[in-house]
């Protein structure tokens, strides 16, 4: 899937979730930097980094609203997989697990 295949709301939700995921354990490790850069290249760097900038000012409640608005199951599953992969780069800690569990619940995955 590419970033351009996502709606604007889905793009913003993904960017916000990626930003949140890399901050969950309190550090942005070199491996996470590489993983996020690779993700950007894989899905469309220019638009991805633009949305990451837009997501900087997003409050948790606003992100939650964007996440809840994602209706396409294939997008939910793809985003979840992206986030699991990102979290696993440096070992999934308890805060990252909480975020992933929350997404499973909100998106009714698994």
Protein backbone atom coordinates (compact mmCIF):
# COMPACT_ATOMS: atom_id res chain seq x y z
CA UNK A 1 0.00 0.00 0.00
CA UNK A 2 1.22 3.53 -0.66
CA UNK A 3 0.52 6.72 1.21
CA UNK A 4 -1.38 8.07 -1.81
CA UNK A 5 -3.84 5.18 -1.57
CA UNK A 6 -4.93 6.46 1.84
CA UNK A 7 -7.47 9.22 2.36
CA UNK A 8 -6.19 12.45 3.90
CA UNK A 9 -7.68 11.42 7.24
CA UNK A 10 -6.03 7.99 7.06
CA UNK A 11 -2.71 9.62 6.17
CA UNK A 12 -2.92 11.96 9.14
CA UNK A 13 -3.90 9.11 11.45
CA UNK A 14 -0.94 7.02 10.30
CA UNK A 15 1.47 9.93 10.73
CA UNK A 16 0.10 10.63 14.20
CA UNK A 17 0.31 6.98 15.19
CA UNK A 18 3.88 6.68 13.92
CA UNK A 19 4.87 9.80 15.89
CA UNK A 20 3.15 8.43 18.99
CA UNK A 21 4.69 4.97 18.62
CA UNK A 22 8.26 6.25 18.40
CA UNK A 23 7.70 8.39 21.51
CA UNK A 24 6.03 5.67 23.61
CA UNK A 25 9.24 4.34 25.14
CA UNK A 26 10.72 7.80 25.66
CA UNK A 27 13.49 7.48 23.09
CA UNK A 28 13.81 7.68 19.33
CA UNK A 29 16.50 5.08 18.74
CA UNK A 30 18.78 4.96 15.69
CA UNK A 31 16.98 1.78 14.59
CA UNK A 32 13.63 3.59 14.80
CA UNK A 33 15.05 6.47 12.76
CA UNK A 34 16.04 3.99 10.05
CA UNK A 35 12.66 2.22 10.24
CA UNK A 36 10.67 5.46 9.91
CA UNK A 37 12.89 6.66 7.06
CA UNK A 38 12.45 3.32 5.28
CA UNK A 39 8.68 3.49 5.81
CA UNK A 40 8.64 6.98 4.31
CA UNK A 41 10.58 5.82 1.25
CA UNK A 42 8.39 2.75 0.83
CA UNK A 43 5.06 4.56 0.95
CA UNK A 44 5.91 7.98 -0.51
CA UNK A 45 8.38 10.20 1.29
CA UNK A 46 7.26 13.70 0.34
CA UNK A 47 3.63 13.32 1.40
CA UNK A 48 4.55 11.20 4.44
CA UNK A 49 6.95 13.81 5.86
CA UNK A 50 4.42 16.55 5.18
CA UNK A 51 1.80 14.67 7.18
CA UNK A 52 4.33 13.96 9.94
CA UNK A 53 4.78 17.73 10.22
CA UNK A 54 1.00 18.23 10.37
CA UNK A 55 0.74 15.56 13.07
CA UNK A 56 3.22 17.40 15.33
CA UNK A 57 0.51 19.63 16.77
CA UNK A 58 -2.16 16.95 17.05
CA UNK A 59 -3.54 16.34 20.52
CA UNK A 60 -4.23 12.79 21.70
CA UNK A 61 -8.01 13.26 21.50
CA UNK A 62 -7.76 14.50 17.92
CA UNK A 63 -5.59 11.53 16.97
CA UNK A 64 -8.09 9.24 18.65
CA UNK A 65 -10.87 10.74 16.51
CA UNK A 66 -8.86 10.21 13.31
CA UNK A 67 -8.10 6.61 14.29
CA UNK A 68 -11.75 5.87 15.06
CA UNK A 69 -12.80 7.32 11.71
CA UNK A 70 -10.78 4.77 9.72
CA UNK A 71 -13.35 2.39 8.32
CA UNK A 72 -11.56 0.35 5.66
CA UNK A 73 -10.49 -3.00 7.18
CA UNK A 74 -7.54 -3.36 4.80
CA UNK A 75 -6.20 0.04 5.88
CA UNK A 76 -6.65 -0.79 9.57
CA UNK A 77 -4.79 -4.08 9.17
CA UNK A 78 -2.03 -2.51 7.09
CA UNK A 79 -1.51 0.35 9.56
CA UNK A 80 -1.48 -2.06 12.47
CA UNK A 81 1.18 -4.15 10.74
CA UNK A 82 3.27 -1.04 10.06
CA UNK A 83 3.09 -0.04 13.73
CA UNK A 84 3.93 -3.54 15.01
CA UNK A 85 6.94 -3.58 12.71
CA UNK A 86 8.04 -0.17 13.93
CA UNK A 87 7.63 -1.13 17.59
CA UNK A 88 9.51 -4.39 17.09
CA UNK A 89 12.60 -2.64 15.72
CA UNK A 90 13.93 -2.03 19.22
CA UNK A 91 11.76 -4.47 21.17
CA UNK A 92 8.11 -3.89 22.01
CA UNK A 93 7.81 -2.40 25.48
CA UNK A 94 4.73 -2.13 27.69
CA UNK A 95 3.74 1.37 26.52
CA UNK A 96 3.91 0.28 22.89
CA UNK A 97 1.90 -2.83 23.75
CA UNK A 98 -0.79 -0.61 25.29
CA UNK A 99 -1.03 1.42 22.08
CA UNK A 100 -1.22 -1.72 19.95
CA UNK A 101 -3.85 -3.24 22.26
CA UNK A 102 -5.88 -0.03 22.08
CA UNK A 103 -5.77 -0.12 18.28
CA UNK A 104 -6.85 -3.78 18.27
CA UNK A 105 -9.85 -2.78 20.37
CA UNK A 106 -10.80 0.38 18.47
CA UNK A 107 -10.40 -1.26 15.08
CA UNK A 108 -11.81 -4.62 16.24
CA UNK A 109 -8.82 -6.56 14.95
CA UNK A 110 -8.04 -10.15 15.82
